[in-house]
Amino acid sequence: DEDVTTRDWYADVDRDGYGNPNASAVNACAQPTGRVANNEDCDDSRSSVNPAADERCNGLDDNCDGDVDGDDAINPTTWFEDA
């Protein structure tokens, strides 16, 4: 296997197609079960949280952009001043 290309594979516990950047990578020729080639998941315990998710108003960074409930969040609540 001297001339075989290998790559790093990352654990994808929540099976959303995005790997855990905090877990140790496995270097292998072929994709091991339960692992993916990227490490872009910011919460590998929730399949609804990943870089392809829509941001929702729920106190989580759903789309892994570093912004919790950002301006692009779905279903925001409009608040009005009550003097």
PDB file of N, CA and C in Angstrom:
ATOM      1  N   ASP A   1       0.815  -1.205   0.000  1.00  0.00           N
ATOM      2  CA  ASP A   1       0.000   0.000   0.000  1.00  0.00           C
ATOM      3  C   ASP A   1       0.851   1.258   0.000  1.00  0.00           C
ATOM      4  N   GLU A   2       2.060   1.209  -0.494  1.00  0.00           N
ATOM      5  CA  GLU A   2       2.944   2.374  -0.450  1.00  0.00           C
ATOM      6  C   GLU A   2       2.407   3.563  -1.240  1.00  0.00           C
ATOM      7  N   ASP A   3       1.763   3.308  -2.389  1.00  0.00           N
ATOM      8  CA  ASP A   3       1.288   4.392  -3.235  1.00  0.00           C
ATOM      9  C   ASP A   3      -0.214   4.641  -3.111  1.00  0.00           C
ATOM     10  N   VAL A   4      -0.812   4.170  -2.048  1.00  0.00           N
ATOM     11  CA  VAL A   4      -2.249   4.337  -1.848  1.00  0.00           C
ATOM     12  C   VAL A   4      -2.498   5.653  -1.114  1.00  0.00           C
ATOM     13  N   THR A   5      -3.495   6.380  -1.587  1.00  0.00           N
ATOM     14  CA  THR A   5      -3.865   7.638  -0.940  1.00  0.00           C
ATOM     15  C   THR A   5      -4.804   7.356   0.218  1.00  0.00           C
ATOM     16  N   THR A   6      -4.484   7.911   1.360  1.00  0.00           N
ATOM     17  CA  THR A   6      -5.361   7.788   2.524  1.00  0.00           C
ATOM     18  C   THR A   6      -5.885   9.167   2.875  1.00  0.00           C
ATOM     19  N   ARG A   7      -6.866   9.198   3.730  1.00  0.00           N
ATOM     20  CA  ARG A   7      -7.395  10.479   4.197  1.00  0.00           C
ATOM     21  C   ARG A   7      -7.871  10.314   5.626  1.00  0.00           C
ATOM     22  N   ASP A   8      -8.120  11.444   6.264  1.00  0.00           N
ATOM     23  CA  ASP A   8      -8.639  11.430   7.627  1.00  0.00           C
ATOM     24  C   ASP A   8     -10.162  11.299   7.583  1.00  0.00           C
ATOM     25  N   TRP A   9     -10.690  10.490   8.476  1.00  0.00           N
ATOM     26  CA  TRP A   9     -12.130  10.281   8.603  1.00  0.00           C
ATOM     27  C   TRP A   9     -12.536  10.644  10.028  1.00  0.00           C
ATOM     28  N   TYR A  10     -13.635  11.383  10.166  1.00  0.00           N
ATOM     29  CA  TYR A  10     -14.060  11.915  11.455  1.00  0.00           C
ATOM     30  C   TYR A  10     -15.369  11.263  11.910  1.00  0.00           C
ATOM     31  N   ALA A  11     -15.490  11.052  13.211  1.00  0.00           N
ATOM     32  CA  ALA A  11     -16.696  10.448  13.773  1.00  0.00           C
ATOM     33  C   ALA A  11     -17.918  11.307  13.480  1.00  0.00           C
ATOM     34  N   ASP A  12     -19.002  10.654  13.087  1.00  0.00           N
ATOM     35  CA  ASP A  12     -20.276  11.316  12.825  1.00  0.00           C
ATOM     36  C   ASP A  12     -21.350  10.594  13.633  1.00  0.00           C
ATOM     37  N   VAL A  13     -21.365  10.856  14.927  1.00  0.00           N
ATOM     38  CA  VAL A  13     -22.247  10.154  15.857  1.00  0.00           C
ATOM     39  C   VAL A  13     -23.721  10.405  15.536  1.00  0.00           C
ATOM     40  N   ASP A  14     -24.082  11.641  15.187  1.00  0.00           N
ATOM     41  CA  ASP A  14     -25.487  11.959  14.928  1.00  0.00           C
ATOM     42  C   ASP A  14     -25.922  11.644  13.490  1.00  0.00           C
ATOM     43  N   ARG A  15     -25.006  11.153  12.670  1.00  0.00           N
ATOM     44  CA  ARG A  15     -25.269  10.672  11.313  1.00  0.00           C
ATOM     45  C   ARG A  15     -25.897  11.726  10.405  1.00  0.00           C
ATOM     46  N   ASP A  16     -25.434  12.982  10.545  1.00  0.00           N
ATOM     47  CA  ASP A  16     -25.948  14.048   9.686  1.00  0.00           C
ATOM     48  C   ASP A  16     -25.024  14.356   8.504  1.00  0.00           C
ATOM     49  N   GLY A  17     -23.932  13.613   8.398  1.00  0.00           N
ATOM     50  CA  GLY A  17     -23.008  13.813   7.281  1.00  0.00           C
ATOM     51  C   GLY A  17     -21.878  14.786   7.584  1.00  0.00           C
ATOM     52  N   TYR A  18     -21.826  15.275   8.822  1.00  0.00           N
ATOM     53  CA  TYR A  18     -20.777  16.205   9.245  1.00  0.00           C
ATOM     54  C   TYR A  18     -20.063  15.629  10.461  1.00  0.00           C
ATOM     55  N   GLY A  19     -18.732  15.621  10.414  1.00  0.00           N
ATOM     56  CA  GLY A  19     -17.949  14.995  11.458  1.00  0.00           C
ATOM     57  C   GLY A  19     -17.603  15.909  12.607  1.00  0.00           C
ATOM     58  N   ASN A  20     -17.227  15.303  13.712  1.00  0.00           N
ATOM     59  CA  ASN A  20     -16.890  15.983  14.952  1.00  0.00           C
ATOM     60  C   ASN A  20     -15.439  16.453  14.912  1.00  0.00           C
ATOM     61  N   PRO A  21     -15.205  17.780  14.939  1.00  0.00           N
ATOM     62  CA  PRO A  21     -13.833  18.286  14.897  1.00  0.00           C
ATOM     63  C   PRO A  21     -13.055  18.017  16.182  1.00  0.00           C
ATOM     64  N   ASN A  22     -13.751  17.688  17.273  1.00  0.00           N
ATOM     65  CA  ASN A  22     -13.097  17.455  18.561  1.00  0.00           C
ATOM     66  C   ASN A  22     -12.738  15.993  18.800  1.00  0.00           C
ATOM     67  N   ALA A  23     -13.154  15.118  17.900  1.00  0.00           N
ATOM     68  CA  ALA A  23     -12.840  13.686  18.025  1.00  0.00           C
ATOM     69  C   ALA A  23     -11.605  13.370  17.188  1.00  0.00           C
ATOM     70  N   SER A  24     -10.864  12.387  17.611  1.00  0.00           N
ATOM     71  CA  SER A  24      -9.669  11.977  16.875  1.00  0.00           C
ATOM     72  C   SER A  24     -10.047  11.420  15.516  1.00  0.00           C
ATOM     73  N   ALA A  25      -9.302  11.814  14.507  1.00  0.00           N
ATOM     74  CA  ALA A  25      -9.528  11.311  13.154  1.00  0.00           C
ATOM     75  C   ALA A  25      -8.883   9.938  13.005  1.00  0.00           C
ATOM     76  N   VAL A  26      -9.430   9.161  12.089  1.00  0.00           N
ATOM     77  CA  VAL A  26      -8.866   7.870  11.721  1.00  0.00           C
ATOM     78  C   VAL A  26      -8.376   8.018  10.292  1.00  0.00           C
ATOM     79  N   ASN A  27      -7.129   7.679  10.041  1.00  0.00           N
ATOM     80  CA  ASN A  27      -6.571   7.763   8.696  1.00  0.00           C
ATOM     81  C   ASN A  27      -6.709   6.391   8.040  1.00  0.00           C
ATOM     82  N   ALA A  28      -7.404   6.349   6.898  1.00  0.00           N
ATOM     83  CA  ALA A  28      -7.658   5.068   6.234  1.00  0.00           C
ATOM     84  C   ALA A  28      -7.827   5.273   4.734  1.00  0.00           C
ATOM     85  N   CYS A  29      -7.691   4.193   3.989  1.00  0.00           N
ATOM     86  CA  CYS A  29      -7.876   4.209   2.538  1.00  0.00           C
ATOM     87  C   CYS A  29      -9.351   4.330   2.175  1.00  0.00           C
ATOM     88  N   ALA A  30     -10.208   3.638   2.892  1.00  0.00           N
ATOM     89  CA  ALA A  30     -11.644   3.622   2.615  1.00  0.00           C
ATOM     90  C   ALA A  30     -12.401   4.168   3.821  1.00  0.00           C
ATOM     91  N   GLN A  31     -13.591   4.646   3.579  1.00  0.00           N
ATOM     92  CA  GLN A  31     -14.410   5.242   4.628  1.00  0.00           C
ATOM     93  C   GLN A  31     -14.854   4.204   5.648  1.00  0.00           C
ATOM     94  N   PRO A  32     -14.429   4.369   6.907  1.00  0.00           N
ATOM     95  CA  PRO A  32     -14.890   3.458   7.958  1.00  0.00           C
ATOM     96  C   PRO A  32     -16.357   3.750   8.316  1.00  0.00           C
ATOM     97  N   THR A  33     -17.062   2.758   8.777  1.00  0.00           N
ATOM     98  CA  THR A  33     -18.451   2.920   9.188  1.00  0.00           C
ATOM     99  C   THR A  33     -18.549   3.967  10.295  1.00  0.00           C
ATOM    100  N   GLY A  34     -19.517   4.878  10.161  1.00  0.00           N
ATOM    101  CA  GLY A  34     -19.753   5.898  11.182  1.00  0.00           C
ATOM    102  C   GLY A  34     -18.813   7.080  11.106  1.00  0.00           C
ATOM    103  N   ARG A  35     -18.071   7.197  10.003  1.00  0.00           N
ATOM    104  CA  ARG A  35     -17.127   8.305   9.852  1.00  0.00           C
ATOM    105  C   ARG A  35     -17.336   8.999   8.518  1.00  0.00           C
ATOM    106  N   VAL A  36     -16.988  10.295   8.474  1.00  0.00           N
ATOM    107  CA  VAL A  36     -17.117  11.099   7.266  1.00  0.00           C
ATOM    108  C   VAL A  36     -15.816  11.852   7.019  1.00  0.00           C
ATOM    109  N   ALA A  37     -15.680  12.415   5.834  1.00  0.00           N
ATOM    110  CA  ALA A  37     -14.426  13.051   5.436  1.00  0.00           C
ATOM    111  C   ALA A  37     -14.284  14.495   5.912  1.00  0.00           C
ATOM    112  N   ASN A  38     -15.324  15.085   6.472  1.00  0.00           N
ATOM    113  CA  ASN A  38     -15.213  16.472   6.949  1.00  0.00           C
ATOM    114  C   ASN A  38     -15.340  16.521   8.466  1.00  0.00           C
ATOM    115  N   ASN A  39     -14.890  17.620   9.037  1.00  0.00           N
ATOM    116  CA  ASN A  39     -14.973  17.816  10.485  1.00  0.00           C
ATOM    117  C   ASN A  39     -15.634  19.155  10.791  1.00  0.00           C
ATOM    118  N   GLU A  40     -16.792  19.387  10.191  1.00  0.00           N
ATOM    119  CA  GLU A  40     -17.447  20.693  10.242  1.00  0.00           C
ATOM    120  C   GLU A  40     -18.640  20.776  11.190  1.00  0.00           C
ATOM    121  N   ASP A  41     -18.946  19.722  11.945  1.00  0.00           N
ATOM    122  CA  ASP A  41     -20.110  19.729  12.833  1.00  0.00           C
ATOM    123  C   ASP A  41     -19.767  20.439  14.138  1.00  0.00           C
ATOM    124  N   CYS A  42     -20.608  21.387  14.546  1.00  0.00           N
ATOM    125  CA  CYS A  42     -20.351  22.100  15.804  1.00  0.00           C
ATOM    126  C   CYS A  42     -21.070  21.447  16.989  1.00  0.00           C
ATOM    127  N   ASP A  43     -21.947  20.468  16.720  1.00  0.00           N
ATOM    128  CA  ASP A  43     -22.617  19.723  17.795  1.00  0.00           C
ATOM    129  C   ASP A  43     -22.973  18.343  17.247  1.00  0.00           C
ATOM    130  N   ASP A  44     -22.098  17.381  17.448  1.00  0.00           N
ATOM    131  CA  ASP A  44     -22.288  16.048  16.885  1.00  0.00           C
ATOM    132  C   ASP A  44     -23.256  15.200  17.693  1.00  0.00           C
ATOM    133  N   SER A  45     -23.958  15.807  18.641  1.00  0.00           N
ATOM    134  CA  SER A  45     -24.975  15.070  19.389  1.00  0.00           C
ATOM    135  C   SER A  45     -26.379  15.379  18.870  1.00  0.00           C
ATOM    136  N   ARG A  46     -26.486  16.336  17.933  1.00  0.00           N
ATOM    137  CA  ARG A  46     -27.793  16.732  17.392  1.00  0.00           C
ATOM    138  C   ARG A  46     -27.725  16.718  15.867  1.00  0.00           C
ATOM    139  N   SER A  47     -28.490  15.863  15.230  1.00  0.00           N
ATOM    140  CA  SER A  47     -28.459  15.790  13.764  1.00  0.00           C
ATOM    141  C   SER A  47     -29.041  17.035  13.112  1.00  0.00           C
ATOM    142  N   SER A  48     -29.844  17.805  13.842  1.00  0.00           N
ATOM    143  CA  SER A  48     -30.433  19.030  13.288  1.00  0.00           C
ATOM    144  C   SER A  48     -29.466  20.207  13.326  1.00  0.00           C
ATOM    145  N   VAL A  49     -28.300  20.026  13.934  1.00  0.00           N
ATOM    146  CA  VAL A  49     -27.286  21.079  14.002  1.00  0.00           C
ATOM    147  C   VAL A  49     -26.107  20.666  13.129  1.00  0.00           C
ATOM    148  N   ASN A  50     -25.898  21.423  12.047  1.00  0.00           N
ATOM    149  CA  ASN A  50     -24.795  21.169  11.125  1.00  0.00           C
ATOM    150  C   ASN A  50     -24.692  22.340  10.151  1.00  0.00           C
ATOM    151  N   PRO A  51     -23.619  22.464   9.394  1.00  0.00           N
ATOM    152  CA  PRO A  51     -23.449  23.615   8.501  1.00  0.00           C
ATOM    153  C   PRO A  51     -24.543  23.794   7.447  1.00  0.00           C
ATOM    154  N   ALA A  52     -25.301  22.753   7.118  1.00  0.00           N
ATOM    155  CA  ALA A  52     -26.355  22.870   6.112  1.00  0.00           C
ATOM    156  C   ALA A  52     -27.728  23.185   6.714  1.00  0.00           C
ATOM    157  N   ALA A  53     -27.818  23.250   8.033  1.00  0.00           N
ATOM    158  CA  ALA A  53     -29.108  23.466   8.702  1.00  0.00           C
ATOM    159  C   ALA A  53     -29.542  24.923   8.604  1.00  0.00           C
ATOM    160  N   ASP A  54     -30.852  25.137   8.696  1.00  0.00           N
ATOM    161  CA  ASP A  54     -31.403  26.480   8.795  1.00  0.00           C
ATOM    162  C   ASP A  54     -31.231  26.959  10.232  1.00  0.00           C
ATOM    163  N   GLU A  55     -30.895  28.235  10.393  1.00  0.00           N
ATOM    164  CA  GLU A  55     -30.805  28.822  11.733  1.00  0.00           C
ATOM    165  C   GLU A  55     -32.221  29.068  12.236  1.00  0.00           C
ATOM    166  N   ARG A  56     -32.507  28.630  13.449  1.00  0.00           N
ATOM    167  CA  ARG A  56     -33.822  28.808  14.059  1.00  0.00           C
ATOM    168  C   ARG A  56     -33.681  29.566  15.376  1.00  0.00           C
ATOM    169  N   CYS A  57     -34.727  30.183  15.806  1.00  0.00           N
ATOM    170  CA  CYS A  57     -34.742  30.883  17.094  1.00  0.00           C
ATOM    171  C   CYS A  57     -34.972  29.858  18.201  1.00  0.00           C
ATOM    172  N   ASN A  58     -33.870  29.287  18.689  1.00  0.00           N
ATOM    173  CA  ASN A  58     -34.001  28.237  19.700  1.00  0.00           C
ATOM    174  C   ASN A  58     -32.836  28.207  20.677  1.00  0.00           C
ATOM    175  N   GLY A  59     -32.003  29.233  20.662  1.00  0.00           N
ATOM    176  CA  GLY A  59     -30.885  29.287  21.597  1.00  0.00           C
ATOM    177  C   GLY A  59     -29.693  28.448  21.185  1.00  0.00           C
ATOM    178  N   LEU A  60     -29.697  27.902  19.950  1.00  0.00           N
ATOM    179  CA  LEU A  60     -28.595  27.079  19.440  1.00  0.00           C
ATOM    180  C   LEU A  60     -27.988  27.709  18.194  1.00  0.00           C
ATOM    181  N   ASP A  61     -26.755  27.387  17.924  1.00  0.00           N
ATOM    182  CA  ASP A  61     -26.133  27.759  16.658  1.00  0.00           C
ATOM    183  C   ASP A  61     -26.418  26.620  15.683  1.00  0.00           C
ATOM    184  N   ASP A  62     -27.597  26.615  15.091  1.00  0.00           N
ATOM    185  CA  ASP A  62     -28.053  25.500  14.257  1.00  0.00           C
ATOM    186  C   ASP A  62     -27.183  25.260  13.031  1.00  0.00           C
ATOM    187  N   ASN A  63     -26.666  26.329  12.420  1.00  0.00           N
ATOM    188  CA  ASN A  63     -25.916  26.186  11.171  1.00  0.00           C
ATOM    189  C   ASN A  63     -24.403  26.319  11.339  1.00  0.00           C
ATOM    190  N   CYS A  64     -23.931  26.261  12.556  1.00  0.00           N
ATOM    191  CA  CYS A  64     -22.489  26.229  12.866  1.00  0.00           C
ATOM    192  C   CYS A  64     -21.714  27.426  12.326  1.00  0.00           C
ATOM    193  N   ASP A  65     -22.367  28.586  12.260  1.00  0.00           N
ATOM    194  CA  ASP A  65     -21.665  29.767  11.773  1.00  0.00           C
ATOM    195  C   ASP A  65     -21.116  30.636  12.905  1.00  0.00           C
ATOM    196  N   GLY A  66     -21.266  30.164  14.146  1.00  0.00           N
ATOM    197  CA  GLY A  66     -20.757  30.904  15.289  1.00  0.00           C
ATOM    198  C   GLY A  66     -21.735  31.931  15.834  1.00  0.00           C
ATOM    199  N   ASP A  67     -22.923  32.039  15.226  1.00  0.00           N
ATOM    200  CA  ASP A  67     -23.916  33.028  15.633  1.00  0.00           C
ATOM    201  C   ASP A  67     -25.178  32.301  16.109  1.00  0.00           C
ATOM    202  N   VAL A  68     -25.549  32.479  17.363  1.00  0.00           N
ATOM    203  CA  VAL A  68     -26.748  31.852  17.917  1.00  0.00           C
ATOM    204  C   VAL A  68     -27.950  32.739  17.612  1.00  0.00           C
ATOM    205  N   ASP A  69     -28.966  32.157  16.979  1.00  0.00           N
ATOM    206  CA  ASP A  69     -30.200  32.882  16.648  1.00  0.00           C
ATOM    207  C   ASP A  69     -29.906  34.198  15.924  1.00  0.00           C
ATOM    208  N   GLY A  70     -29.122  34.133  14.886  1.00  0.00           N
ATOM    209  CA  GLY A  70     -28.721  35.321  14.130  1.00  0.00           C
ATOM    210  C   GLY A  70     -29.864  35.977  13.382  1.00  0.00           C
ATOM    211  N   ASP A  71     -29.534  37.039  12.665  1.00  0.00           N
ATOM    212  CA  ASP A  71     -30.524  37.809  11.916  1.00  0.00           C
ATOM    213  C   ASP A  71     -31.237  36.975  10.859  1.00  0.00           C
ATOM    214  N   ASP A  72     -30.609  35.898  10.420  1.00  0.00           N
ATOM    215  CA  ASP A  72     -31.195  35.042   9.388  1.00  0.00           C
ATOM    216  C   ASP A  72     -32.045  33.911   9.971  1.00  0.00           C
ATOM    217  N   ALA A  73     -32.292  33.939  11.277  1.00  0.00           N
ATOM    218  CA  ALA A  73     -33.029  32.857  11.948  1.00  0.00           C
ATOM    219  C   ALA A  73     -34.477  32.781  11.471  1.00  0.00           C
ATOM    220  N   ILE A  74     -34.974  31.553  11.365  1.00  0.00           N
ATOM    221  CA  ILE A  74     -36.353  31.301  10.978  1.00  0.00           C
ATOM    222  C   ILE A  74     -37.245  31.455  12.203  1.00  0.00           C
ATOM    223  N   ASN A  75     -38.424  32.004  12.008  1.00  0.00           N
ATOM    224  CA  ASN A  75     -39.435  32.183  13.059  1.00  0.00           C
ATOM    225  C   ASN A  75     -38.992  33.093  14.194  1.00  0.00           C
ATOM    226  N   PRO A  76     -38.433  34.257  13.880  1.00  0.00           N
ATOM    227  CA  PRO A  76     -38.059  35.157  14.976  1.00  0.00           C
ATOM    228  C   PRO A  76     -39.300  35.762  15.633  1.00  0.00           C
ATOM    229  N   THR A  77     -39.158  36.147  16.862  1.00  0.00           N
ATOM    230  CA  THR A  77     -40.236  36.827  17.586  1.00  0.00           C
ATOM    231  C   THR A  77     -39.977  38.323  17.526  1.00  0.00           C
ATOM    232  N   THR A  78     -40.977  39.074  17.183  1.00  0.00           N
ATOM    233  CA  THR A  78     -40.838  40.531  17.177  1.00  0.00           C
ATOM    234  C   THR A  78     -41.262  41.059  18.535  1.00  0.00           C
ATOM    235  N   TRP A  79     -40.400  41.843  19.136  1.00  0.00           N
ATOM    236  CA  TRP A  79     -40.675  42.410  20.464  1.00  0.00           C
ATOM    237  C   TRP A  79     -40.898  43.906  20.325  1.00  0.00           C
ATOM    238  N   PHE A  80     -41.841  44.434  21.075  1.00  0.00           N
ATOM    239  CA  PHE A  80     -42.162  45.854  21.031  1.00  0.00           C
ATOM    240  C   PHE A  80     -41.920  46.461  22.408  1.00  0.00           C
ATOM    241  N   GLU A  81     -41.492  47.703  22.413  1.00  0.00           N
ATOM    242  CA  GLU A  81     -41.232  48.407  23.670  1.00  0.00           C
ATOM    243  C   GLU A  81     -42.554  48.640  24.387  1.00  0.00           C
ATOM    244  N   ASP A  82     -42.552  48.419  25.685  1.00  0.00           N
ATOM    245  CA  ASP A  82     -43.733  48.653  26.511  1.00  0.00           C
ATOM    246  C   ASP A  82     -43.348  49.673  27.564  1.00  0.00           C
ATOM    247  N   ALA A  83     -43.652  50.913  27.254  1.00  0.00           N
ATOM    248  CA  ALA A  83     -43.276  51.995  28.169  1.00  0.00           C
ATOM    249  C   ALA A  83     -44.316  52.083  29.217  1.00  0.00           C
TER     250      ALA A  83
END
